[in-house]
């Protein structure tokens, strides 16, 4: 069976990692064709005091007609990293694992991100998240040009068992908010819940 292809994601949703956990090996398609409507490559969602918060990494858009996501560069517009880190602390500062993990994220989400390729930035965050989760899936990256139709469907209907949240939200049960939520709330206990998520029968395993 061919190795499933996944899109690069900025602190992707829990469904992304629950799907990935069902394979022994996956490939992240850094060469995915650029499409400005494909927002999750530089955007994630977390719960806030008054509803969901969308965190967006501003980017320098490529001008080439055949541009790919690995042509996109992270911008320094508005010192966005300060807003993101403040939002994470506001939402997760009282969770059990935030203080143990946040410094690792600060090493990546900061002014040092400006000027980097977006796919490299996303890749560093993905490696950190998988390490903290203890996710055993082998992940490689491909710079080959990839059409969106080649991607694995990583957003099947999911049912994640309820877990303690500092800001409870119904979206957690469907895996549609950033994996940071379950990671900061549960730490190493997050992976068993992701592995136990009930996925669509169409999602195959290795």
N, C-alpha and C. Protein backbone atom coordinates (compact mmCIF):
# COMPACT_ATOMS: atom_id res chain seq x y z
N UNK A 1 0.85 -1.20 0.00
CA UNK A 1 0.00 0.00 0.00
C UNK A 1 0.88 1.25 0.00
N UNK A 2 0.51 2.26 -0.81
CA UNK A 2 1.28 3.48 -0.86
C UNK A 2 1.22 4.21 0.48
N UNK A 3 2.31 4.91 0.78
CA UNK A 3 2.34 5.69 2.01
C UNK A 3 1.35 6.84 1.92
N UNK A 4 0.45 7.00 2.90
CA UNK A 4 -0.54 8.08 2.84
C UNK A 4 0.13 9.45 2.84
N UNK A 5 -0.41 10.37 2.05
CA UNK A 5 0.10 11.73 1.97
C UNK A 5 -0.76 12.66 2.82
N UNK A 6 -0.11 13.45 3.65
CA UNK A 6 -0.79 14.41 4.52
C UNK A 6 -0.32 15.82 4.17
N UNK A 7 -1.20 16.81 4.30
CA UNK A 7 -0.78 18.20 4.04
C UNK A 7 0.00 18.75 5.23
N UNK A 8 0.90 19.70 5.01
CA UNK A 8 1.52 20.39 6.14
C UNK A 8 0.46 21.17 6.90
N UNK A 9 0.58 21.24 8.23
CA UNK A 9 -0.42 21.91 9.06
C UNK A 9 0.28 22.74 10.13
N UNK A 10 -0.36 23.84 10.50
CA UNK A 10 0.12 24.64 11.63
C UNK A 10 -0.60 24.17 12.88
N UNK A 11 0.12 23.44 13.74
CA UNK A 11 -0.47 22.90 14.98
C UNK A 11 -1.83 22.28 14.66
N UNK A 12 -1.79 21.28 13.78
CA UNK A 12 -2.98 20.69 13.20
C UNK A 12 -4.02 20.21 14.20
N UNK A 13 -5.21 19.93 13.72
CA UNK A 13 -6.30 19.47 14.61
C UNK A 13 -6.02 18.08 15.15
N UNK A 14 -6.73 17.72 16.21
CA UNK A 14 -6.56 16.39 16.80
C UNK A 14 -6.87 15.30 15.79
N UNK A 15 -7.82 15.55 14.87
CA UNK A 15 -8.17 14.55 13.85
C UNK A 15 -6.98 14.22 12.97
N UNK A 16 -6.13 15.19 12.71
CA UNK A 16 -4.92 15.00 11.89
C UNK A 16 -4.01 13.97 12.52
N UNK A 17 -3.80 14.11 13.84
CA UNK A 17 -2.90 13.19 14.55
C UNK A 17 -3.57 11.87 14.87
N UNK A 18 -4.88 11.88 15.09
CA UNK A 18 -5.60 10.61 15.29
C UNK A 18 -5.55 9.78 14.02
N UNK A 19 -5.68 10.43 12.87
CA UNK A 19 -5.58 9.73 11.59
C UNK A 19 -4.17 9.23 11.36
N UNK A 20 -3.19 10.09 11.58
CA UNK A 20 -1.79 9.73 11.38
C UNK A 20 -1.39 8.53 12.25
N UNK A 21 -1.92 8.48 13.47
CA UNK A 21 -1.56 7.42 14.42
C UNK A 21 -2.00 6.04 13.93
N UNK A 22 -2.88 5.99 12.95
CA UNK A 22 -3.37 4.72 12.44
C UNK A 22 -2.48 4.12 11.35
N UNK A 23 -1.37 4.78 11.07
CA UNK A 23 -0.44 4.30 10.05
C UNK A 23 0.95 4.11 10.65
N UNK A 24 1.66 3.15 10.15
CA UNK A 24 3.03 2.95 10.58
C UNK A 24 3.93 4.05 10.02
N UNK A 25 3.63 4.53 8.82
CA UNK A 25 4.44 5.55 8.17
C UNK A 25 3.54 6.43 7.31
N UNK A 26 3.84 7.73 7.29
CA UNK A 26 3.10 8.67 6.45
C UNK A 26 4.10 9.63 5.82
N UNK A 27 3.62 10.38 4.85
CA UNK A 27 4.46 11.38 4.19
C UNK A 27 3.73 12.71 4.20
N UNK A 28 4.43 13.78 4.57
CA UNK A 28 3.86 15.13 4.54
C UNK A 28 4.27 15.79 3.23
N UNK A 29 3.28 16.24 2.47
CA UNK A 29 3.49 16.75 1.12
C UNK A 29 3.82 18.24 1.15
N UNK A 30 5.10 18.56 1.38
CA UNK A 30 5.53 19.97 1.39
C UNK A 30 5.38 20.59 0.01
N UNK A 31 5.39 19.75 -1.03
CA UNK A 31 5.26 20.26 -2.39
C UNK A 31 3.82 20.40 -2.85
N UNK A 32 2.89 20.39 -1.92
CA UNK A 32 1.48 20.54 -2.25
C UNK A 32 1.24 21.85 -3.00
N UNK A 33 0.42 21.78 -4.04
CA UNK A 33 0.12 22.96 -4.84
C UNK A 33 -0.48 24.06 -3.97
N UNK A 34 0.02 25.28 -4.12
CA UNK A 34 -0.45 26.39 -3.31
C UNK A 34 -1.89 26.76 -3.68
N UNK A 35 -2.70 26.93 -2.64
CA UNK A 35 -4.07 27.38 -2.79
C UNK A 35 -4.39 28.24 -1.58
N UNK A 36 -4.65 29.52 -1.79
CA UNK A 36 -4.85 30.44 -0.67
C UNK A 36 -6.05 30.08 0.18
N UNK A 37 -6.95 29.24 -0.35
CA UNK A 37 -8.13 28.84 0.43
C UNK A 37 -7.82 27.68 1.37
N UNK A 38 -6.64 27.11 1.24
CA UNK A 38 -6.24 26.00 2.11
C UNK A 38 -5.59 26.61 3.35
N UNK A 39 -6.41 26.99 4.31
CA UNK A 39 -5.97 27.83 5.42
C UNK A 39 -5.21 27.10 6.52
N UNK A 40 -5.46 25.80 6.69
CA UNK A 40 -4.91 25.10 7.86
C UNK A 40 -3.40 24.96 7.81
N UNK A 41 -2.77 25.27 6.67
CA UNK A 41 -1.32 25.22 6.59
C UNK A 41 -0.69 26.32 7.43
N UNK A 42 -1.42 27.40 7.66
CA UNK A 42 -0.87 28.48 8.48
C UNK A 42 -1.92 29.04 9.47
N UNK A 43 -2.89 28.20 9.82
CA UNK A 43 -3.94 28.65 10.73
C UNK A 43 -4.40 27.49 11.61
N UNK A 44 -4.65 27.77 12.89
CA UNK A 44 -5.22 26.75 13.79
C UNK A 44 -6.26 27.40 14.68
N UNK A 45 -7.05 26.56 15.36
CA UNK A 45 -8.16 27.04 16.18
C UNK A 45 -8.05 26.48 17.59
N UNK A 46 -8.22 27.34 18.58
CA UNK A 46 -8.25 26.92 19.99
C UNK A 46 -9.45 27.58 20.66
N UNK A 47 -9.94 27.01 21.77
CA UNK A 47 -11.08 27.62 22.47
C UNK A 47 -10.64 28.82 23.29
N UNK A 48 -11.49 29.85 23.32
CA UNK A 48 -11.21 31.03 24.12
C UNK A 48 -12.34 31.31 25.09
N UNK A 49 -12.26 32.44 25.78
CA UNK A 49 -13.28 32.80 26.77
C UNK A 49 -14.64 33.03 26.13
N UNK A 50 -14.65 33.54 24.91
CA UNK A 50 -15.91 33.92 24.26
C UNK A 50 -16.05 33.24 22.90
N UNK A 51 -15.70 31.98 22.84
CA UNK A 51 -15.81 31.26 21.58
C UNK A 51 -14.44 30.84 21.07
N UNK A 52 -14.42 30.37 19.83
CA UNK A 52 -13.19 29.86 19.27
C UNK A 52 -12.27 31.00 18.83
N UNK A 53 -10.96 30.76 19.00
CA UNK A 53 -9.94 31.71 18.60
C UNK A 53 -9.18 31.13 17.41
N UNK A 54 -9.06 31.91 16.35
CA UNK A 54 -8.28 31.49 15.19
C UNK A 54 -6.93 32.18 15.22
N UNK A 55 -5.87 31.40 15.21
CA UNK A 55 -4.51 31.91 15.20
C UNK A 55 -3.95 31.75 13.79
N UNK A 56 -3.58 32.86 13.17
CA UNK A 56 -3.11 32.84 11.79
C UNK A 56 -1.68 33.33 11.69
N UNK A 57 -0.84 32.56 11.03
CA UNK A 57 0.54 32.96 10.76
C UNK A 57 0.53 33.73 9.44
N UNK A 58 0.87 35.02 9.45
CA UNK A 58 0.89 35.77 8.18
C UNK A 58 2.03 35.27 7.29
N UNK A 59 1.79 35.26 6.01
CA UNK A 59 2.78 34.74 5.07
C UNK A 59 3.01 35.70 3.92
N UNK A 60 4.13 35.50 3.26
CA UNK A 60 4.43 36.23 2.03
C UNK A 60 3.99 35.33 0.89
N UNK A 61 2.97 35.75 0.16
CA UNK A 61 2.38 34.91 -0.88
C UNK A 61 3.32 34.80 -2.08
N UNK A 62 3.44 33.62 -2.67
CA UNK A 62 4.26 33.46 -3.87
C UNK A 62 3.57 34.06 -5.09
N UNK A 63 4.36 34.49 -6.06
CA UNK A 63 3.80 35.11 -7.25
C UNK A 63 3.78 34.16 -8.44
N UNK A 64 4.43 33.03 -8.33
CA UNK A 64 4.46 32.08 -9.43
C UNK A 64 3.12 31.40 -9.62
N UNK A 65 2.73 31.21 -10.86
CA UNK A 65 1.46 30.55 -11.15
C UNK A 65 1.47 29.09 -10.71
N UNK A 66 2.65 28.48 -10.71
CA UNK A 66 2.76 27.07 -10.32
C UNK A 66 3.32 26.91 -8.92
N UNK A 67 3.08 27.91 -8.06
CA UNK A 67 3.65 27.92 -6.71
C UNK A 67 3.15 26.75 -5.87
N UNK A 68 3.99 26.33 -4.93
CA UNK A 68 3.66 25.27 -3.99
C UNK A 68 3.77 25.84 -2.58
N UNK A 69 3.30 25.08 -1.62
CA UNK A 69 3.34 25.59 -0.25
C UNK A 69 4.77 25.74 0.26
N UNK A 70 5.72 24.99 -0.28
CA UNK A 70 7.10 25.18 0.17
C UNK A 70 7.76 26.39 -0.47
N UNK A 71 7.00 27.14 -1.29
CA UNK A 71 7.45 28.44 -1.78
C UNK A 71 6.99 29.58 -0.88
N UNK A 72 6.10 29.29 0.05
CA UNK A 72 5.53 30.32 0.92
C UNK A 72 6.46 30.58 2.10
N UNK A 73 6.64 31.86 2.44
CA UNK A 73 7.56 32.27 3.50
C UNK A 73 6.77 32.92 4.64
N UNK A 74 7.18 32.65 5.86
CA UNK A 74 6.55 33.24 7.05
C UNK A 74 6.90 34.72 7.12
N UNK A 75 5.90 35.55 7.35
CA UNK A 75 6.08 37.00 7.46
C UNK A 75 6.32 37.40 8.92
N UNK A 76 6.84 38.61 9.09
CA UNK A 76 6.99 39.15 10.45
C UNK A 76 5.89 40.16 10.75
N UNK A 77 4.87 40.22 9.92
CA UNK A 77 3.82 41.24 10.04
C UNK A 77 3.17 41.22 11.43
N UNK A 78 3.17 42.37 12.08
CA UNK A 78 2.47 42.54 13.34
C UNK A 78 3.02 41.76 14.51
N UNK A 79 4.27 41.28 14.37
CA UNK A 79 4.85 40.45 15.45
C UNK A 79 3.82 39.43 15.93
N UNK A 80 3.24 38.68 14.99
CA UNK A 80 2.14 37.76 15.23
C UNK A 80 2.43 36.74 16.32
N UNK A 81 3.70 36.36 16.47
CA UNK A 81 4.06 35.33 17.46
C UNK A 81 3.71 35.75 18.87
N UNK A 82 3.78 37.06 19.15
CA UNK A 82 3.43 37.54 20.48
C UNK A 82 1.94 37.30 20.75
N UNK A 83 1.10 37.56 19.74
CA UNK A 83 -0.34 37.32 19.88
C UNK A 83 -0.62 35.83 20.08
N UNK A 84 0.07 34.97 19.33
CA UNK A 84 -0.16 33.54 19.44
C UNK A 84 0.25 33.01 20.81
N UNK A 85 1.42 33.39 21.27
CA UNK A 85 1.89 32.91 22.57
C UNK A 85 1.03 33.44 23.71
N UNK A 86 0.57 34.69 23.59
CA UNK A 86 -0.32 35.26 24.61
C UNK A 86 -1.64 34.50 24.64
N UNK A 87 -2.19 34.17 23.46
CA UNK A 87 -3.44 33.42 23.39
C UNK A 87 -3.27 32.02 23.98
N UNK A 88 -2.15 31.38 23.70
CA UNK A 88 -1.91 30.04 24.26
C UNK A 88 -1.81 30.10 25.79
N UNK A 89 -1.12 31.11 26.30
CA UNK A 89 -0.99 31.22 27.75
C UNK A 89 -2.33 31.55 28.40
N UNK A 90 -3.11 32.42 27.75
CA UNK A 90 -4.42 32.78 28.28
C UNK A 90 -5.33 31.56 28.34
N UNK A 91 -5.30 30.74 27.29
CA UNK A 91 -6.18 29.58 27.22
C UNK A 91 -5.67 28.42 28.07
N UNK A 92 -4.36 28.17 28.03
CA UNK A 92 -3.82 26.94 28.61
C UNK A 92 -2.90 27.13 29.81
N UNK A 93 -2.73 28.37 30.27
CA UNK A 93 -1.81 28.62 31.37
C UNK A 93 -2.12 27.84 32.63
N UNK A 94 -3.38 27.46 32.82
CA UNK A 94 -3.76 26.72 34.03
C UNK A 94 -3.88 25.22 33.79
N UNK A 95 -3.51 24.76 32.60
CA UNK A 95 -3.58 23.32 32.33
C UNK A 95 -2.36 22.63 32.95
N UNK A 96 -2.47 21.32 33.20
CA UNK A 96 -1.39 20.62 33.90
C UNK A 96 -0.05 20.59 33.19
N UNK A 97 -0.05 20.65 31.85
CA UNK A 97 1.21 20.41 31.14
C UNK A 97 1.75 21.63 30.41
N UNK A 98 1.04 22.75 30.46
CA UNK A 98 1.48 23.93 29.72
C UNK A 98 2.89 24.37 30.14
N UNK A 99 3.12 24.45 31.43
CA UNK A 99 4.41 24.96 31.90
C UNK A 99 5.58 24.05 31.51
N UNK A 100 5.28 22.77 31.28
CA UNK A 100 6.34 21.83 30.91
C UNK A 100 6.65 21.87 29.41
N UNK A 101 5.69 22.31 28.60
CA UNK A 101 5.84 22.24 27.15
C UNK A 101 6.05 23.59 26.48
N UNK A 102 5.60 24.67 27.11
CA UNK A 102 5.54 25.95 26.40
C UNK A 102 6.90 26.45 25.95
N UNK A 103 7.95 26.20 26.72
CA UNK A 103 9.27 26.69 26.31
C UNK A 103 9.74 26.05 25.01
N UNK A 104 9.36 24.79 24.81
CA UNK A 104 9.69 24.13 23.55
C UNK A 104 9.00 24.83 22.37
N UNK A 105 7.76 25.25 22.58
CA UNK A 105 7.05 25.94 21.51
C UNK A 105 7.62 27.33 21.27
N UNK A 106 8.08 27.98 22.33
CA UNK A 106 8.68 29.31 22.17
C UNK A 106 9.97 29.25 21.34
N UNK A 107 10.62 28.11 21.31
CA UNK A 107 11.82 27.97 20.50
C UNK A 107 11.50 28.02 19.00
N UNK A 108 10.24 27.79 18.66
CA UNK A 108 9.83 27.74 17.25
C UNK A 108 8.93 28.92 16.89
N UNK A 109 7.94 29.21 17.77
CA UNK A 109 7.01 30.31 17.53
C UNK A 109 7.59 31.58 18.13
N UNK A 110 8.22 32.38 17.31
CA UNK A 110 8.87 33.60 17.78
C UNK A 110 9.42 34.36 16.59
N UNK A 111 10.15 35.44 16.84
CA UNK A 111 10.68 36.25 15.73
C UNK A 111 11.61 35.45 14.83
N UNK A 112 12.18 34.38 15.35
CA UNK A 112 13.07 33.54 14.54
C UNK A 112 12.33 32.82 13.42
N UNK A 113 10.99 32.79 13.50
CA UNK A 113 10.20 32.13 12.45
C UNK A 113 10.11 32.97 11.18
N UNK A 114 10.21 34.29 11.32
CA UNK A 114 10.08 35.18 10.16
C UNK A 114 11.16 34.89 9.13
N UNK A 115 10.75 34.80 7.88
CA UNK A 115 11.69 34.55 6.80
C UNK A 115 11.91 33.08 6.49
N UNK A 116 11.38 32.20 7.33
CA UNK A 116 11.53 30.77 7.09
C UNK A 116 10.47 30.28 6.09
N UNK A 117 10.76 29.19 5.42
CA UNK A 117 9.72 28.56 4.61
C UNK A 117 8.63 28.05 5.54
N UNK A 118 7.39 28.28 5.17
CA UNK A 118 6.27 27.87 6.01
C UNK A 118 6.30 26.36 6.28
N UNK A 119 6.64 25.56 5.27
CA UNK A 119 6.65 24.12 5.46
C UNK A 119 7.74 23.68 6.45
N UNK A 120 8.86 24.40 6.50
CA UNK A 120 9.91 24.08 7.48
C UNK A 120 9.43 24.43 8.89
N UNK A 121 8.78 25.58 9.00
CA UNK A 121 8.22 26.03 10.28
C UNK A 121 7.17 25.04 10.78
N UNK A 122 6.23 24.67 9.90
CA UNK A 122 5.21 23.69 10.27
C UNK A 122 5.85 22.35 10.63
N UNK A 123 6.88 21.97 9.88
CA UNK A 123 7.53 20.69 10.13
C UNK A 123 8.18 20.62 11.50
N UNK A 124 8.80 21.72 11.93
CA UNK A 124 9.42 21.74 13.26
C UNK A 124 8.36 21.60 14.35
N UNK A 125 7.23 22.28 14.18
CA UNK A 125 6.15 22.16 15.16
C UNK A 125 5.56 20.76 15.16
N UNK A 126 5.42 20.16 13.99
CA UNK A 126 4.89 18.80 13.90
C UNK A 126 5.81 17.81 14.62
N UNK A 127 7.11 17.93 14.41
CA UNK A 127 8.05 17.02 15.08
C UNK A 127 7.97 17.18 16.60
N UNK A 128 7.84 18.43 17.06
CA UNK A 128 7.72 18.67 18.50
C UNK A 128 6.43 18.05 19.03
N UNK A 129 5.32 18.28 18.36
CA UNK A 129 4.03 17.75 18.81
C UNK A 129 4.06 16.23 18.86
N UNK A 130 4.60 15.60 17.82
CA UNK A 130 4.66 14.13 17.80
C UNK A 130 5.56 13.60 18.91
N UNK A 131 6.64 14.32 19.19
CA UNK A 131 7.53 13.88 20.28
C UNK A 131 6.83 13.98 21.63
N UNK A 132 6.12 15.08 21.87
CA UNK A 132 5.43 15.25 23.15
C UNK A 132 4.26 14.27 23.30
N UNK A 133 3.61 13.96 22.18
CA UNK A 133 2.53 12.97 22.21
C UNK A 133 3.06 11.55 22.38
N UNK A 134 4.31 11.33 21.96
CA UNK A 134 4.83 9.96 21.92
C UNK A 134 4.28 9.20 20.73
N UNK A 135 3.95 9.91 19.65
CA UNK A 135 3.36 9.29 18.47
C UNK A 135 4.43 8.48 17.73
N UNK A 136 4.23 7.17 17.56
CA UNK A 136 5.29 6.33 16.98
C UNK A 136 5.33 6.32 15.45
N UNK A 137 4.37 6.93 14.80
CA UNK A 137 4.31 6.90 13.33
C UNK A 137 5.58 7.51 12.72
N UNK A 138 6.14 6.81 11.75
CA UNK A 138 7.30 7.34 11.03
C UNK A 138 6.82 8.36 10.01
N UNK A 139 7.42 9.53 10.02
CA UNK A 139 6.99 10.62 9.15
C UNK A 139 8.17 11.09 8.30
N UNK A 140 7.95 11.15 7.00
CA UNK A 140 8.94 11.76 6.11
C UNK A 140 8.27 12.89 5.35
N UNK A 141 9.09 13.71 4.70
CA UNK A 141 8.59 14.86 3.94
C UNK A 141 8.94 14.70 2.48
N UNK A 142 8.04 15.17 1.62
CA UNK A 142 8.27 15.11 0.18
C UNK A 142 8.15 16.50 -0.42
N UNK A 143 9.16 16.87 -1.23
CA UNK A 143 9.13 18.15 -1.93
C UNK A 143 8.58 18.01 -3.34
N UNK A 144 8.14 16.81 -3.70
CA UNK A 144 7.59 16.60 -5.03
C UNK A 144 6.26 17.35 -5.19
N UNK A 145 6.03 17.85 -6.39
CA UNK A 145 4.77 18.55 -6.66
C UNK A 145 3.60 17.59 -6.41
N UNK A 146 2.64 18.03 -5.62
CA UNK A 146 1.53 17.17 -5.22
C UNK A 146 0.20 17.87 -5.47
N UNK A 147 -0.74 17.14 -6.05
CA UNK A 147 -2.08 17.67 -6.26
C UNK A 147 -2.93 17.35 -5.02
N UNK A 148 -3.81 18.25 -4.60
CA UNK A 148 -4.64 17.99 -3.41
C UNK A 148 -5.41 16.68 -3.47
N UNK A 149 -5.77 16.22 -4.66
CA UNK A 149 -6.53 14.98 -4.78
C UNK A 149 -5.74 13.77 -4.32
N UNK A 150 -4.41 13.91 -4.18
CA UNK A 150 -3.56 12.80 -3.76
C UNK A 150 -3.50 12.64 -2.24
N UNK A 151 -4.06 13.60 -1.53
CA UNK A 151 -3.93 13.60 -0.07
C UNK A 151 -4.87 12.60 0.59
N UNK A 152 -4.40 12.06 1.71
CA UNK A 152 -5.23 11.22 2.56
C UNK A 152 -6.31 12.08 3.21
N UNK A 153 -7.50 11.54 3.35
CA UNK A 153 -8.56 12.25 4.07
C UNK A 153 -8.29 12.11 5.57
N UNK A 154 -7.73 13.18 6.15
CA UNK A 154 -7.39 13.12 7.57
C UNK A 154 -8.48 13.74 8.45
N UNK A 155 -9.65 14.03 7.87
CA UNK A 155 -10.73 14.63 8.65
C UNK A 155 -11.99 13.78 8.61
N UNK A 156 -11.89 12.49 8.90
CA UNK A 156 -13.10 11.66 8.93
C UNK A 156 -13.94 12.02 10.16
N UNK A 157 -15.16 11.51 10.18
CA UNK A 157 -15.97 11.69 11.38
C UNK A 157 -15.26 11.00 12.54
N UNK A 158 -15.06 11.74 13.60
CA UNK A 158 -14.35 11.20 14.76
C UNK A 158 -15.20 11.34 16.00
N UNK A 159 -14.96 10.45 16.93
CA UNK A 159 -15.57 10.56 18.25
C UNK A 159 -14.47 10.35 19.26
N UNK A 160 -13.99 11.46 19.83
CA UNK A 160 -12.95 11.41 20.85
C UNK A 160 -13.61 11.48 22.21
N UNK A 161 -13.24 10.56 23.08
CA UNK A 161 -13.84 10.54 24.41
C UNK A 161 -13.61 11.88 25.11
N UNK A 162 -14.61 12.28 25.86
CA UNK A 162 -14.50 13.55 26.59
C UNK A 162 -13.30 13.52 27.53
N UNK A 163 -12.61 14.61 27.58
CA UNK A 163 -11.46 14.74 28.47
C UNK A 163 -11.56 16.07 29.19
N UNK A 164 -10.81 16.19 30.27
CA UNK A 164 -10.84 17.44 31.02
C UNK A 164 -10.27 18.57 30.18
N UNK A 165 -11.03 19.66 30.09
CA UNK A 165 -10.58 20.86 29.39
C UNK A 165 -10.74 22.06 30.32
N UNK A 166 -9.80 22.96 30.25
CA UNK A 166 -9.94 24.17 31.03
C UNK A 166 -11.05 25.04 30.46
N UNK A 167 -11.29 24.92 29.13
CA UNK A 167 -12.42 25.60 28.47
C UNK A 167 -13.15 24.56 27.64
N UNK A 168 -14.13 23.88 28.22
CA UNK A 168 -14.84 22.82 27.50
C UNK A 168 -15.49 23.33 26.22
N UNK A 169 -15.38 22.54 25.16
CA UNK A 169 -15.98 22.89 23.89
C UNK A 169 -16.41 21.63 23.16
N UNK A 170 -17.55 21.70 22.49
CA UNK A 170 -18.06 20.54 21.78
C UNK A 170 -17.15 20.11 20.64
N UNK A 171 -16.40 21.06 20.06
CA UNK A 171 -15.52 20.73 18.94
C UNK A 171 -14.43 19.74 19.31
N UNK A 172 -14.11 19.63 20.60
CA UNK A 172 -13.07 18.69 21.02
C UNK A 172 -13.47 17.26 20.73
N UNK A 173 -14.76 16.96 20.81
CA UNK A 173 -15.24 15.60 20.61
C UNK A 173 -15.12 15.15 19.16
N UNK A 174 -15.02 16.11 18.23
CA UNK A 174 -14.89 15.75 16.81
C UNK A 174 -13.48 15.96 16.29
N UNK A 175 -12.56 16.33 17.16
CA UNK A 175 -11.17 16.46 16.77
C UNK A 175 -10.87 17.63 15.87
N UNK A 176 -11.73 18.66 15.87
CA UNK A 176 -11.55 19.76 14.92
C UNK A 176 -10.79 20.96 15.48
N UNK A 177 -10.45 20.95 16.76
CA UNK A 177 -9.61 22.03 17.28
C UNK A 177 -8.17 21.55 17.35
N UNK A 178 -7.26 22.48 17.51
CA UNK A 178 -5.84 22.14 17.48
C UNK A 178 -5.51 21.05 18.50
N UNK A 179 -4.60 20.18 18.11
CA UNK A 179 -4.13 19.11 19.00
C UNK A 179 -3.48 19.69 20.25
N UNK A 180 -3.12 20.98 20.22
CA UNK A 180 -2.53 21.60 21.41
C UNK A 180 -3.47 21.52 22.60
N UNK A 181 -4.78 21.51 22.34
CA UNK A 181 -5.75 21.45 23.43
C UNK A 181 -5.61 20.17 24.24
N UNK A 182 -5.65 19.05 23.56
CA UNK A 182 -5.55 17.77 24.25
C UNK A 182 -4.14 17.54 24.79
N UNK A 183 -3.14 18.11 24.11
CA UNK A 183 -1.75 17.95 24.55
C UNK A 183 -1.50 18.70 25.85
N UNK A 184 -1.91 19.98 25.92
CA UNK A 184 -1.68 20.76 27.14
C UNK A 184 -2.55 20.26 28.30
N UNK A 185 -3.73 19.75 27.98
CA UNK A 185 -4.64 19.28 29.03
C UNK A 185 -4.24 17.92 29.58
N UNK A 186 -3.78 17.02 28.71
CA UNK A 186 -3.55 15.62 29.13
C UNK A 186 -2.10 15.17 29.06
N UNK A 187 -1.25 15.89 28.37
CA UNK A 187 0.14 15.47 28.26
C UNK A 187 0.27 14.07 27.66
N UNK A 188 1.04 13.18 28.27
CA UNK A 188 1.24 11.84 27.71
C UNK A 188 -0.01 10.98 27.69
N UNK A 189 -1.07 11.40 28.37
CA UNK A 189 -2.32 10.64 28.34
C UNK A 189 -3.15 10.98 27.10
N UNK A 190 -2.67 11.92 26.28
CA UNK A 190 -3.42 12.31 25.08
C UNK A 190 -3.39 11.22 24.01
N UNK A 191 -2.25 10.57 23.84
CA UNK A 191 -2.11 9.60 22.75
C UNK A 191 -3.12 8.46 22.83
N UNK A 192 -3.35 7.84 23.99
CA UNK A 192 -4.35 6.77 24.03
C UNK A 192 -5.73 7.22 23.55
N UNK A 193 -6.12 8.47 23.85
CA UNK A 193 -7.41 8.96 23.39
C UNK A 193 -7.42 9.13 21.87
N UNK A 194 -6.32 9.60 21.31
CA UNK A 194 -6.24 9.75 19.86
C UNK A 194 -6.27 8.39 19.17
N UNK A 195 -5.58 7.42 19.75
CA UNK A 195 -5.57 6.08 19.18
C UNK A 195 -6.95 5.43 19.27
N UNK A 196 -7.71 5.82 20.28
CA UNK A 196 -9.02 5.21 20.51
C UNK A 196 -10.15 5.95 19.79
N UNK A 197 -9.80 7.06 19.11
CA UNK A 197 -10.83 7.82 18.40
C UNK A 197 -11.51 6.95 17.36
N UNK A 198 -12.82 7.02 17.30
CA UNK A 198 -13.60 6.23 16.38
C UNK A 198 -13.65 6.95 15.04
N UNK A 199 -13.02 6.35 14.03
CA UNK A 199 -12.92 7.01 12.72
C UNK A 199 -13.86 6.37 11.72
N UNK A 200 -14.03 7.06 10.62
CA UNK A 200 -14.85 6.54 9.53
C UNK A 200 -14.30 5.22 9.04
N UNK A 201 -15.16 4.26 8.66
CA UNK A 201 -14.69 2.99 8.11
C UNK A 201 -13.86 3.16 6.85
N UNK A 202 -13.98 4.33 6.19
CA UNK A 202 -13.21 4.55 4.97
C UNK A 202 -11.73 4.80 5.25
N UNK A 203 -11.41 5.11 6.52
CA UNK A 203 -10.02 5.36 6.87
C UNK A 203 -9.33 4.04 7.09
N UNK A 204 -8.40 3.68 6.23
CA UNK A 204 -7.71 2.41 6.33
C UNK A 204 -6.43 2.54 7.13
N UNK A 205 -5.91 1.41 7.58
CA UNK A 205 -4.67 1.41 8.33
C UNK A 205 -3.62 0.64 7.54
N UNK A 206 -2.35 0.88 7.93
CA UNK A 206 -1.25 0.16 7.29
C UNK A 206 -1.27 -1.30 7.69
